[in-house]
N, C-alpha and C. Protein backbone atom coordinates (compact mmCIF):
# COMPACT_ATOMS: atom_id res chain seq x y z
N UNK A 1 -185.15 -189.16 -72.38
CA UNK A 1 -186.99 -189.03 -72.20
C UNK A 1 -186.67 -188.73 -70.47
N UNK A 2 -185.77 -189.92 -69.55
CA UNK A 2 -185.80 -189.80 -68.28
C UNK A 2 -185.19 -188.64 -67.97
N UNK A 3 -183.97 -188.26 -68.44
CA UNK A 3 -182.99 -187.06 -68.25
C UNK A 3 -184.05 -185.90 -68.24
N UNK A 4 -185.24 -185.47 -69.13
CA UNK A 4 -185.71 -184.79 -69.28
C UNK A 4 -186.17 -183.97 -68.31
N UNK A 5 -187.71 -185.29 -68.45
CA UNK A 5 -188.46 -185.48 -66.65
C UNK A 5 -187.50 -185.08 -65.75
N UNK A 6 -186.60 -186.14 -65.26
CA UNK A 6 -185.68 -185.82 -63.92
C UNK A 6 -185.41 -183.96 -64.02
N UNK A 7 -185.03 -183.22 -64.89
CA UNK A 7 -184.17 -182.29 -65.26
C UNK A 7 -185.72 -181.09 -64.98
N UNK A 8 -186.92 -181.54 -65.61
CA UNK A 8 -188.36 -180.74 -64.94
C UNK A 8 -188.93 -180.91 -63.74
N UNK A 9 -188.44 -182.15 -63.20
CA UNK A 9 -188.60 -181.94 -62.06
C UNK A 9 -188.14 -181.44 -61.17
N UNK A 10 -186.23 -180.79 -60.77
CA UNK A 10 -185.91 -180.73 -60.22
C UNK A 10 -185.31 -179.61 -60.25
N UNK A 11 -186.13 -178.40 -61.80
CA UNK A 11 -186.11 -177.21 -62.18
C UNK A 11 -187.24 -176.95 -61.18
N UNK A 12 -188.79 -177.83 -60.69
CA UNK A 12 -189.74 -177.48 -60.42
C UNK A 12 -189.73 -177.53 -58.82
N UNK A 13 -188.77 -178.45 -58.31
CA UNK A 13 -188.27 -178.81 -57.13
C UNK A 13 -187.65 -177.56 -56.63
N UNK A 14 -187.02 -176.38 -57.46
CA UNK A 14 -186.13 -175.73 -56.68
C UNK A 14 -187.25 -174.26 -56.71
N UNK A 15 -187.57 -174.24 -57.30
CA UNK A 15 -188.53 -173.25 -57.68
C UNK A 15 -189.55 -172.59 -56.34
N UNK A 16 -190.34 -174.11 -56.17
CA UNK A 16 -191.17 -174.21 -54.95
C UNK A 16 -189.38 -174.14 -53.33
N UNK A 17 -188.60 -174.46 -53.64
CA UNK A 17 -187.92 -174.41 -52.77
C UNK A 17 -187.68 -172.81 -52.81
N UNK A 18 -187.14 -171.97 -53.20
CA UNK A 18 -186.82 -170.76 -53.35
C UNK A 18 -187.53 -169.68 -53.85
N UNK A 19 -188.97 -170.54 -53.92
CA UNK A 19 -190.22 -168.94 -53.10
C UNK A 19 -190.78 -169.01 -54.69
N UNK A 20 -189.72 -169.55 -56.16
CA UNK A 20 -190.33 -168.57 -57.30
C UNK A 20 -191.40 -168.95 -57.96
N UNK A 21 -192.21 -170.29 -57.76
CA UNK A 21 -193.25 -170.96 -57.24
C UNK A 21 -195.01 -169.92 -57.44
N UNK A 22 -195.70 -169.52 -58.01
CA UNK A 22 -196.48 -168.76 -57.34
C UNK A 22 -197.47 -169.83 -57.10
N UNK A 23 -198.01 -169.30 -55.24
CA UNK A 23 -198.71 -169.87 -54.68
C UNK A 23 -200.23 -170.37 -55.89
N UNK A 24 -200.54 -169.65 -56.48
CA UNK A 24 -201.92 -170.24 -57.45
C UNK A 24 -201.48 -171.37 -58.24
N UNK A 25 -200.58 -171.70 -58.43
CA UNK A 25 -199.98 -172.72 -58.87
C UNK A 25 -199.65 -173.88 -58.39
N UNK A 26 -198.90 -173.70 -56.65
CA UNK A 26 -198.57 -174.83 -55.86
C UNK A 26 -199.34 -174.74 -55.04
N UNK A 27 -200.57 -174.17 -54.63
CA UNK A 27 -201.53 -174.60 -53.78
C UNK A 27 -202.93 -174.10 -53.93
N UNK A 28 -203.50 -174.48 -55.09
CA UNK A 28 -204.64 -173.43 -55.94
C UNK A 28 -205.73 -173.53 -54.99
N UNK A 29 -206.33 -174.49 -53.94
CA UNK A 29 -206.99 -174.80 -52.84
C UNK A 29 -207.09 -173.45 -52.65
N UNK A 30 -206.01 -173.32 -52.09
CA UNK A 30 -205.12 -172.42 -50.56
C UNK A 30 -205.28 -170.34 -51.30
N UNK A 31 -204.85 -170.67 -52.77
CA UNK A 31 -204.87 -169.67 -53.14
C UNK A 31 -206.51 -168.79 -53.70
N UNK A 32 -207.15 -170.05 -53.82
CA UNK A 32 -209.35 -169.43 -54.34
C UNK A 32 -209.16 -169.57 -52.60
N UNK A 33 -208.97 -169.53 -51.53
CA UNK A 33 -209.42 -169.22 -50.28
C UNK A 33 -209.32 -167.75 -49.75
N UNK A 34 -207.56 -167.67 -50.10
CA UNK A 34 -207.25 -166.11 -50.35
C UNK A 34 -208.21 -164.84 -50.91
N UNK A 35 -208.33 -165.67 -52.57
CA UNK A 35 -209.32 -164.73 -53.22
C UNK A 35 -210.71 -164.69 -52.96
N UNK A 36 -211.10 -165.67 -52.50
CA UNK A 36 -213.05 -165.06 -51.51
C UNK A 36 -212.54 -164.53 -50.52
N UNK A 37 -211.72 -164.73 -49.65
CA UNK A 37 -211.83 -164.16 -48.57
C UNK A 37 -211.48 -162.64 -49.04
N UNK A 38 -210.37 -162.59 -49.88
CA UNK A 38 -210.08 -161.14 -50.15
C UNK A 38 -211.40 -160.50 -51.52
N UNK A 39 -212.23 -161.10 -51.76
CA UNK A 39 -213.66 -160.65 -52.12
C UNK A 39 -214.41 -160.00 -51.37
N UNK A 40 -214.50 -160.81 -50.31
CA UNK A 40 -215.35 -160.53 -49.21
C UNK A 40 -215.37 -158.96 -48.53
N UNK A 41 -214.00 -159.18 -47.86
CA UNK A 41 -213.33 -157.61 -48.25
C UNK A 41 -213.08 -156.64 -48.97
N UNK A 42 -213.39 -156.99 -50.14
CA UNK A 42 -213.59 -155.90 -51.08
C UNK A 42 -215.32 -155.32 -51.39
N UNK A 43 -216.29 -156.11 -50.73
CA UNK A 43 -217.65 -156.10 -50.17
C UNK A 43 -217.82 -155.03 -49.25
N UNK A 44 -216.83 -155.59 -47.86
CA UNK A 44 -216.95 -154.88 -46.73
C UNK A 44 -216.60 -153.60 -47.09
N UNK A 45 -215.70 -152.91 -47.60
CA UNK A 45 -214.89 -152.41 -48.28
C UNK A 45 -215.90 -151.12 -48.62
N UNK A 46 -216.49 -151.48 -49.12
CA UNK A 46 -217.92 -150.69 -50.41
C UNK A 46 -218.53 -150.45 -50.12
N UNK A 47 -219.24 -151.45 -48.53
CA UNK A 47 -220.26 -151.00 -47.59
C UNK A 47 -220.12 -150.46 -46.34
N UNK A 48 -218.55 -149.94 -46.33
CA UNK A 48 -217.79 -148.86 -45.35
C UNK A 48 -218.15 -147.85 -45.87
N UNK A 49 -218.14 -147.64 -47.21
CA UNK A 49 -218.08 -146.40 -47.60
C UNK A 49 -219.66 -146.13 -48.65
N UNK A 50 -220.06 -147.03 -48.15
CA UNK A 50 -222.00 -147.00 -48.60
C UNK A 50 -222.48 -146.52 -47.22
N UNK A 51 -222.13 -147.83 -46.33
CA UNK A 51 -223.25 -147.37 -44.84
C UNK A 51 -222.52 -146.52 -44.14
N UNK A 52 -221.03 -145.66 -44.43
CA UNK A 52 -220.00 -145.66 -43.01
C UNK A 52 -220.35 -146.56 -41.80
N UNK A 53 -220.26 -147.52 -42.01
CA UNK A 53 -220.14 -148.81 -41.21
C UNK A 53 -218.68 -149.00 -40.48
N UNK A 54 -218.59 -149.69 -39.99
CA UNK A 54 -216.51 -150.31 -39.65
C UNK A 54 -216.79 -151.74 -39.52
N UNK A 55 -215.93 -152.44 -40.56
CA UNK A 55 -215.65 -153.67 -40.54
C UNK A 55 -214.87 -154.23 -40.15
N UNK A 56 -213.48 -152.91 -39.66
CA UNK A 56 -212.37 -153.48 -39.19
C UNK A 56 -211.15 -154.39 -40.62
N UNK A 57 -211.54 -153.36 -41.78
CA UNK A 57 -210.88 -154.28 -43.03
C UNK A 57 -208.80 -154.08 -42.47
N UNK A 58 -208.49 -153.32 -42.04
CA UNK A 58 -207.24 -153.09 -41.81
C UNK A 58 -206.94 -154.30 -40.82
N UNK A 59 -207.34 -154.74 -40.14
CA UNK A 59 -207.04 -155.79 -39.14
C UNK A 59 -207.29 -157.37 -40.01
N UNK A 60 -208.29 -157.11 -40.72
CA UNK A 60 -208.40 -158.32 -41.76
C UNK A 60 -207.13 -158.59 -42.86
N UNK A 61 -206.98 -157.41 -43.03
CA UNK A 61 -206.14 -157.66 -44.24
C UNK A 61 -204.98 -158.03 -43.81
N UNK A 62 -204.22 -157.12 -42.38
CA UNK A 62 -202.91 -157.68 -42.06
C UNK A 62 -202.98 -159.25 -41.52
N UNK A 63 -204.06 -160.04 -41.33
CA UNK A 63 -204.45 -161.35 -40.84
C UNK A 63 -204.17 -162.17 -42.04
N UNK A 64 -204.44 -161.63 -43.29
CA UNK A 64 -204.48 -162.44 -44.34
C UNK A 64 -202.77 -162.32 -44.59
N UNK A 65 -202.47 -160.89 -44.59
CA UNK A 65 -200.70 -161.10 -44.96
C UNK A 65 -200.03 -162.06 -44.16
N UNK A 66 -200.30 -161.70 -42.57
CA UNK A 66 -199.57 -163.09 -42.47
C UNK A 66 -199.70 -164.50 -42.52
N UNK A 67 -201.75 -165.09 -42.55
CA UNK A 67 -201.38 -166.09 -43.14
C UNK A 67 -200.43 -166.23 -44.76
N UNK A 68 -200.43 -165.25 -45.52
CA UNK A 68 -199.93 -165.44 -46.91
C UNK A 68 -197.91 -165.89 -46.48
N UNK A 69 -197.72 -164.85 -45.51
CA UNK A 69 -196.07 -164.78 -45.13
C UNK A 69 -195.62 -165.82 -44.41
N UNK A 70 -196.63 -166.87 -43.91
CA UNK A 70 -196.04 -168.03 -43.62
C UNK A 70 -196.31 -169.51 -44.45
N UNK A 71 -197.13 -169.04 -45.39
CA UNK A 71 -196.60 -170.00 -46.36
C UNK A 71 -195.93 -169.19 -47.84
N UNK A 72 -194.71 -168.77 -48.01
CA UNK A 72 -194.07 -168.32 -48.10
C UNK A 72 -194.10 -166.84 -49.26
N UNK A 73 -195.17 -166.85 -49.38
CA UNK A 73 -196.36 -165.86 -50.74
C UNK A 73 -194.89 -164.64 -50.48
N UNK A 74 -195.14 -164.19 -51.87
CA UNK A 74 -194.68 -163.13 -51.98
C UNK A 74 -195.57 -161.68 -53.19
N UNK A 75 -194.96 -160.77 -53.47
CA UNK A 75 -195.45 -159.27 -53.53
C UNK A 75 -196.87 -160.18 -55.30
N UNK A 76 -195.83 -160.98 -55.91
CA UNK A 76 -197.04 -161.43 -57.28
C UNK A 76 -198.06 -162.29 -56.39
N UNK A 77 -197.78 -162.72 -54.85
CA UNK A 77 -199.09 -163.72 -54.53
C UNK A 77 -200.47 -162.52 -54.66
N UNK A 78 -199.64 -161.53 -54.12
CA UNK A 78 -200.97 -160.82 -53.41
C UNK A 78 -201.51 -160.03 -54.50
N UNK A 79 -201.08 -159.85 -55.78
CA UNK A 79 -201.45 -159.04 -57.06
C UNK A 79 -202.21 -160.30 -57.66
N UNK A 80 -201.53 -161.66 -57.53
CA UNK A 80 -203.16 -162.86 -58.21
C UNK A 80 -204.06 -162.77 -57.49
N UNK A 81 -203.80 -162.58 -56.22
CA UNK A 81 -204.80 -162.34 -55.86
C UNK A 81 -206.40 -161.42 -55.86
N UNK A 82 -205.48 -160.16 -55.95
CA UNK A 82 -205.93 -159.20 -56.15
C UNK A 82 -206.48 -159.04 -57.08
N UNK A 83 -205.71 -159.48 -58.55
CA UNK A 83 -206.27 -158.53 -60.17
C UNK A 83 -207.20 -160.74 -59.80
N UNK A 84 -207.77 -161.50 -59.26
CA UNK A 84 -208.35 -162.13 -59.71
C UNK A 84 -209.67 -162.71 -58.75
N UNK A 85 -209.85 -161.68 -57.13
CA UNK A 85 -210.61 -161.19 -56.58
C UNK A 85 -211.68 -160.04 -57.63
N UNK A 86 -210.69 -159.05 -58.17
CA UNK A 86 -211.25 -158.05 -58.74
C UNK A 86 -212.02 -158.47 -60.00
N UNK A 87 -211.56 -159.30 -60.72
CA UNK A 87 -211.84 -159.28 -62.09
C UNK A 87 -213.33 -160.77 -62.27
N UNK A 88 -213.33 -161.54 -61.01
CA UNK A 88 -214.52 -162.27 -60.50
C UNK A 88 -216.05 -160.99 -60.15
N UNK A 89 -215.33 -159.52 -59.18
CA UNK A 89 -216.46 -158.87 -58.55
C UNK A 89 -216.85 -157.95 -59.85
N UNK A 90 -215.44 -158.01 -61.01
CA UNK A 90 -216.64 -156.42 -61.67
C UNK A 90 -217.11 -157.21 -62.80
N UNK A 91 -217.43 -158.71 -62.89
CA UNK A 91 -217.95 -159.36 -64.37
C UNK A 91 -219.27 -159.16 -64.53
N UNK A 92 -220.10 -158.92 -63.42
CA UNK A 92 -221.53 -158.36 -64.05
C UNK A 92 -222.23 -157.73 -62.91
N UNK A 93 -221.33 -156.58 -63.01
CA UNK A 93 -221.94 -155.51 -62.04
C UNK A 93 -222.22 -154.27 -62.86
N UNK A 94 -222.70 -153.03 -63.03
CA UNK A 94 -222.80 -151.52 -63.28
C UNK A 94 -221.20 -151.27 -63.27
N UNK A 95 -221.16 -150.49 -64.52
CA UNK A 95 -220.17 -149.51 -64.02
C UNK A 95 -219.45 -148.77 -63.25
N UNK A 96 -220.39 -148.25 -62.52
CA UNK A 96 -220.16 -147.47 -61.57
C UNK A 96 -219.46 -148.57 -59.98
N UNK A 97 -220.45 -149.62 -59.88
CA UNK A 97 -220.00 -150.50 -59.02
C UNK A 97 -218.29 -150.92 -59.07
N UNK A 98 -218.15 -151.27 -61.02
CA UNK A 98 -216.82 -151.75 -61.08
C UNK A 98 -215.90 -150.99 -60.48
N UNK A 99 -216.22 -149.59 -61.10
CA UNK A 99 -215.73 -148.48 -60.44
C UNK A 99 -215.15 -148.57 -59.33
N UNK A 100 -215.87 -148.45 -58.22
CA UNK A 100 -215.88 -148.59 -57.17
C UNK A 100 -215.26 -149.95 -55.96
N UNK A 101 -214.96 -150.84 -57.18
CA UNK A 101 -214.15 -151.54 -56.65
C UNK A 101 -212.77 -151.66 -57.68
N UNK A 102 -212.62 -151.25 -58.28
CA UNK A 102 -211.34 -151.02 -58.53
C UNK A 102 -211.07 -149.73 -57.55
N UNK A 103 -211.36 -148.85 -57.83
CA UNK A 103 -211.09 -147.33 -55.95
C UNK A 103 -210.55 -148.55 -54.97
N UNK A 104 -211.66 -148.87 -54.50
CA UNK A 104 -211.21 -149.57 -52.99
C UNK A 104 -210.48 -151.03 -53.06
N UNK A 105 -210.01 -151.44 -55.02
CA UNK A 105 -209.07 -152.32 -54.41
C UNK A 105 -207.59 -152.25 -54.80
N UNK A 106 -207.61 -150.93 -54.93
CA UNK A 106 -206.17 -149.82 -54.96
C UNK A 106 -205.87 -149.53 -53.70
N UNK A 107 -206.69 -149.66 -52.66
CA UNK A 107 -205.25 -149.06 -51.82
C UNK A 107 -205.63 -150.12 -51.14
N UNK A 108 -206.50 -151.26 -51.10
CA UNK A 108 -206.73 -152.60 -50.37
C UNK A 108 -205.27 -153.56 -50.75
N UNK A 109 -205.20 -153.77 -51.79
CA UNK A 109 -203.74 -153.87 -52.21
C UNK A 109 -202.99 -153.48 -51.34
N UNK A 110 -202.53 -152.57 -51.58
CA UNK A 110 -201.32 -151.43 -51.32
C UNK A 110 -201.34 -151.86 -49.81
N UNK A 111 -201.90 -152.16 -49.83
CA UNK A 111 -202.70 -152.07 -47.47
C UNK A 111 -202.06 -153.56 -47.53
N UNK A 112 -202.31 -154.48 -48.14
CA UNK A 112 -201.75 -156.13 -47.49
C UNK A 112 -200.08 -156.65 -48.20
N UNK A 113 -200.66 -155.41 -49.43
CA UNK A 113 -198.20 -155.44 -49.68
C UNK A 113 -197.57 -155.24 -48.46
N UNK A 114 -198.46 -154.05 -47.96
CA UNK A 114 -196.98 -153.91 -46.68
C UNK A 114 -197.03 -153.80 -45.75
N UNK A 115 -198.92 -154.74 -45.44
CA UNK A 115 -198.53 -156.04 -44.88
C UNK A 115 -197.53 -156.62 -44.18
N UNK A 116 -197.74 -157.36 -45.83
CA UNK A 116 -196.33 -158.58 -45.97
C UNK A 116 -195.46 -158.32 -46.00
N UNK A 117 -194.73 -156.97 -46.86
CA UNK A 117 -193.79 -156.79 -46.14
C UNK A 117 -193.23 -156.69 -44.73
N UNK A 118 -194.00 -155.96 -43.63
CA UNK A 118 -194.49 -156.11 -42.64
C UNK A 118 -194.18 -156.85 -41.45
N UNK A 119 -194.06 -158.42 -42.30
CA UNK A 119 -194.39 -159.80 -41.34
C UNK A 119 -192.83 -160.21 -41.85
N UNK A 120 -192.31 -159.51 -43.13
CA UNK A 120 -190.98 -160.56 -43.46
C UNK A 120 -190.11 -158.94 -43.08
N UNK A 121 -190.99 -158.33 -42.49
CA UNK A 121 -189.44 -157.61 -41.41
C UNK A 121 -189.04 -158.32 -40.54
N UNK A 122 -190.23 -158.35 -39.78
CA UNK A 122 -190.11 -159.05 -38.73
C UNK A 122 -189.98 -159.73 -38.41
N UNK A 123 -190.08 -161.23 -39.63
CA UNK A 123 -188.86 -161.81 -39.43
C UNK A 123 -187.70 -162.12 -39.77
N UNK A 124 -187.26 -161.14 -40.54
CA UNK A 124 -186.10 -160.78 -40.85
C UNK A 124 -185.53 -159.97 -39.25
N UNK A 125 -186.17 -159.22 -38.62
CA UNK A 125 -185.08 -158.57 -37.48
C UNK A 125 -185.23 -159.49 -36.20
N UNK A 126 -186.29 -160.60 -36.55
CA UNK A 126 -186.76 -161.57 -35.17
C UNK A 126 -184.74 -162.61 -35.75
N UNK A 127 -184.66 -162.99 -36.58
CA UNK A 127 -183.81 -164.00 -37.39
C UNK A 127 -182.18 -163.10 -36.95
N UNK A 128 -182.53 -162.28 -37.05
CA UNK A 128 -181.09 -161.12 -37.23
C UNK A 128 -180.90 -160.79 -35.63
N UNK A 129 -182.14 -160.81 -34.73
CA UNK A 129 -181.45 -160.68 -32.89
C UNK A 129 -181.48 -162.90 -32.56
N UNK A 130 -180.83 -163.77 -33.16
CA UNK A 130 -180.41 -164.92 -32.91
C UNK A 130 -179.32 -164.75 -32.53
């Protein structure tokens, strides 16, 4: 029994150490904050489309991606944040608004994934210049 518990703990430790544990599992409060922020950005993106205003969504996505990079988040975490926020946003809205969230979300998730990739590329290049 003790051996099984130890193996389970060691497995969890290695998953955290090597970044294979999702942000949702390892830090649910932080994950929730990112979902809420991403959801607000989705609302602002729809507002930009509807009212032709500028909310600087790209810079906000870049900032969020950099915060995720500091947490050693990966692509799966970005997708988890996106899908959770999208599910919440489309629960109680009409079909047209749900489709608008889906359309904007497709662009946003790709953009944030790109920023996260850029974050890691800069990190890697910085390390290789040492």
